[in-house]
N, C-alpha and C. Protein backbone atom coordinates (compact mmCIF):
# COMPACT_ATOMS: atom_id res chain seq x y z
N MET A 1 0.84 -1.17 0.00
CA MET A 1 0.00 0.00 0.00
C MET A 1 0.89 1.23 0.00
N LYS A 2 0.60 2.13 -0.90
CA LYS A 2 1.41 3.34 -0.99
C LYS A 2 0.89 4.36 0.02
N ASN A 3 1.76 5.25 0.44
CA ASN A 3 1.40 6.21 1.48
C ASN A 3 0.30 7.17 1.05
N ASP A 4 0.11 7.39 -0.27
CA ASP A 4 -0.91 8.34 -0.70
C ASP A 4 -2.29 7.69 -0.83
N GLU A 5 -2.36 6.36 -0.73
CA GLU A 5 -3.65 5.69 -0.80
C GLU A 5 -4.30 5.72 0.57
N LYS A 6 -5.62 5.87 0.57
CA LYS A 6 -6.32 5.86 1.86
C LYS A 6 -7.31 4.71 1.86
N PHE A 7 -7.12 3.82 2.81
CA PHE A 7 -8.02 2.69 2.96
C PHE A 7 -8.56 2.72 4.36
N THR A 8 -9.85 2.61 4.48
CA THR A 8 -10.43 2.52 5.81
C THR A 8 -11.24 1.24 5.88
N GLY A 9 -11.14 0.58 6.97
CA GLY A 9 -11.88 -0.65 7.15
C GLY A 9 -11.99 -0.93 8.64
N THR A 10 -12.82 -1.87 8.96
CA THR A 10 -13.00 -2.24 10.35
C THR A 10 -12.71 -3.72 10.50
N GLU A 11 -11.96 -4.04 11.50
CA GLU A 11 -11.65 -5.44 11.80
C GLU A 11 -11.78 -5.61 13.30
N THR A 12 -12.53 -6.59 13.70
CA THR A 12 -12.68 -6.88 15.12
C THR A 12 -11.82 -8.09 15.45
N VAL A 13 -10.88 -7.91 16.34
CA VAL A 13 -9.99 -9.00 16.72
C VAL A 13 -9.88 -9.04 18.24
N PRO A 14 -9.61 -10.23 18.79
CA PRO A 14 -9.36 -10.29 20.23
C PRO A 14 -8.13 -9.44 20.57
N LEU A 15 -8.19 -8.71 21.65
CA LEU A 15 -7.11 -7.81 22.02
C LEU A 15 -5.79 -8.56 22.19
N GLY A 16 -5.87 -9.84 22.52
CA GLY A 16 -4.67 -10.65 22.70
C GLY A 16 -3.87 -10.84 21.42
N LEU A 17 -4.48 -10.61 20.24
CA LEU A 17 -3.77 -10.76 18.97
C LEU A 17 -2.85 -9.59 18.70
N LEU A 18 -3.11 -8.45 19.32
CA LEU A 18 -2.28 -7.27 19.10
C LEU A 18 -1.17 -7.23 20.14
N ARG A 19 0.03 -6.97 19.68
CA ARG A 19 1.17 -6.88 20.59
C ARG A 19 1.71 -5.46 20.52
N VAL A 20 1.97 -4.88 21.68
CA VAL A 20 2.53 -3.54 21.73
C VAL A 20 3.98 -3.66 22.20
N GLY A 21 4.90 -3.13 21.39
CA GLY A 21 6.32 -3.22 21.71
C GLY A 21 6.79 -2.12 22.65
N ASP A 22 8.08 -2.15 22.94
CA ASP A 22 8.67 -1.19 23.88
C ASP A 22 8.51 0.25 23.42
N GLN A 23 8.53 0.49 22.12
CA GLN A 23 8.46 1.86 21.60
C GLN A 23 7.04 2.24 21.19
N GLY A 24 6.07 1.49 21.66
CA GLY A 24 4.68 1.79 21.35
C GLY A 24 4.23 1.30 20.00
N LYS A 25 5.06 0.49 19.34
CA LYS A 25 4.67 -0.05 18.04
C LYS A 25 3.69 -1.20 18.25
N ILE A 26 2.65 -1.22 17.43
CA ILE A 26 1.65 -2.28 17.51
C ILE A 26 1.93 -3.30 16.42
N THR A 27 2.03 -4.55 16.80
CA THR A 27 2.22 -5.63 15.83
C THR A 27 0.84 -6.17 15.46
N ILE A 28 0.53 -6.13 14.17
CA ILE A 28 -0.75 -6.60 13.68
C ILE A 28 -0.54 -7.95 13.00
N PRO A 29 -1.35 -8.95 13.32
CA PRO A 29 -1.17 -10.28 12.74
C PRO A 29 -1.20 -10.27 11.21
N TYR A 30 -0.44 -11.20 10.62
CA TYR A 30 -0.28 -11.27 9.17
C TYR A 30 -1.61 -11.37 8.45
N HIS A 31 -2.54 -12.21 8.93
CA HIS A 31 -3.79 -12.40 8.19
C HIS A 31 -4.62 -11.12 8.12
N ILE A 32 -4.47 -10.24 9.09
CA ILE A 32 -5.19 -8.96 9.03
C ILE A 32 -4.48 -8.01 8.07
N ARG A 33 -3.14 -7.97 8.14
CA ARG A 33 -2.39 -7.12 7.21
C ARG A 33 -2.65 -7.55 5.78
N LYS A 34 -2.70 -8.83 5.53
CA LYS A 34 -2.93 -9.35 4.18
C LYS A 34 -4.31 -8.93 3.68
N ARG A 35 -5.31 -9.02 4.55
CA ARG A 35 -6.69 -8.68 4.16
C ARG A 35 -6.80 -7.21 3.74
N PHE A 36 -6.09 -6.33 4.43
CA PHE A 36 -6.17 -4.90 4.13
C PHE A 36 -5.07 -4.42 3.20
N GLY A 37 -4.16 -5.31 2.80
CA GLY A 37 -3.09 -4.91 1.89
C GLY A 37 -2.05 -4.03 2.55
N ILE A 38 -1.80 -4.26 3.83
CA ILE A 38 -0.81 -3.47 4.57
C ILE A 38 0.51 -4.22 4.56
N SER A 39 1.57 -3.53 4.19
CA SER A 39 2.91 -4.13 4.20
C SER A 39 3.62 -3.75 5.49
N LYS A 40 4.64 -4.52 5.84
CA LYS A 40 5.45 -4.16 7.01
C LYS A 40 6.10 -2.81 6.73
N GLY A 41 6.11 -1.95 7.71
CA GLY A 41 6.72 -0.64 7.56
C GLY A 41 5.75 0.44 7.12
N ASP A 42 4.54 0.06 6.68
CA ASP A 42 3.55 1.07 6.30
C ASP A 42 3.10 1.83 7.54
N LEU A 43 2.88 3.12 7.38
CA LEU A 43 2.34 3.92 8.47
C LEU A 43 0.82 3.89 8.35
N ILE A 44 0.18 3.44 9.39
CA ILE A 44 -1.28 3.37 9.37
C ILE A 44 -1.82 4.01 10.64
N GLU A 45 -3.07 4.38 10.59
CA GLU A 45 -3.73 4.92 11.76
C GLU A 45 -4.62 3.83 12.33
N VAL A 46 -4.48 3.58 13.61
CA VAL A 46 -5.25 2.52 14.27
C VAL A 46 -6.09 3.13 15.37
N THR A 47 -7.36 2.79 15.38
CA THR A 47 -8.24 3.20 16.47
C THR A 47 -8.63 1.94 17.24
N ILE A 48 -8.37 1.95 18.51
CA ILE A 48 -8.73 0.80 19.34
C ILE A 48 -9.97 1.18 20.15
N VAL A 49 -11.02 0.40 19.97
CA VAL A 49 -12.26 0.62 20.70
C VAL A 49 -12.46 -0.58 21.61
N VAL A 50 -12.58 -0.32 22.88
CA VAL A 50 -12.79 -1.39 23.84
C VAL A 50 -14.25 -1.34 24.29
N LYS A 51 -14.95 -2.45 24.06
CA LYS A 51 -16.34 -2.53 24.48
C LYS A 51 -16.45 -3.64 25.51
N LEU A 52 -16.94 -3.30 26.67
CA LEU A 52 -17.13 -4.29 27.72
C LEU A 52 -18.54 -4.85 27.62
N LYS A 53 -18.64 -6.17 27.70
CA LYS A 53 -19.95 -6.80 27.65
C LYS A 53 -20.58 -6.75 29.04
N GLU A 54 -21.90 -6.71 29.07
CA GLU A 54 -22.62 -6.68 30.34
C GLU A 54 -22.28 -7.92 31.15
N GLY A 55 -22.10 -7.74 32.44
CA GLY A 55 -21.86 -8.87 33.32
C GLY A 55 -20.39 -9.22 33.50
N ILE A 56 -19.50 -8.63 32.69
CA ILE A 56 -18.07 -8.90 32.84
C ILE A 56 -17.49 -7.87 33.79
N LYS A 57 -16.83 -8.33 34.83
CA LYS A 57 -16.26 -7.40 35.80
C LYS A 57 -14.76 -7.47 35.73
């Protein structure tokens, strides 16, 4: 994906699949990157939405 292309999409994944490194870098699993056409090193904007289900404490 080139930096001038804009792709927006939504993917719901278990939070355990995302890894945050020492420098705040988020590692996104290969199957998600492949689906959206994201290459390693691409700069992307990620929004993390946490929704708690009723009854979970």
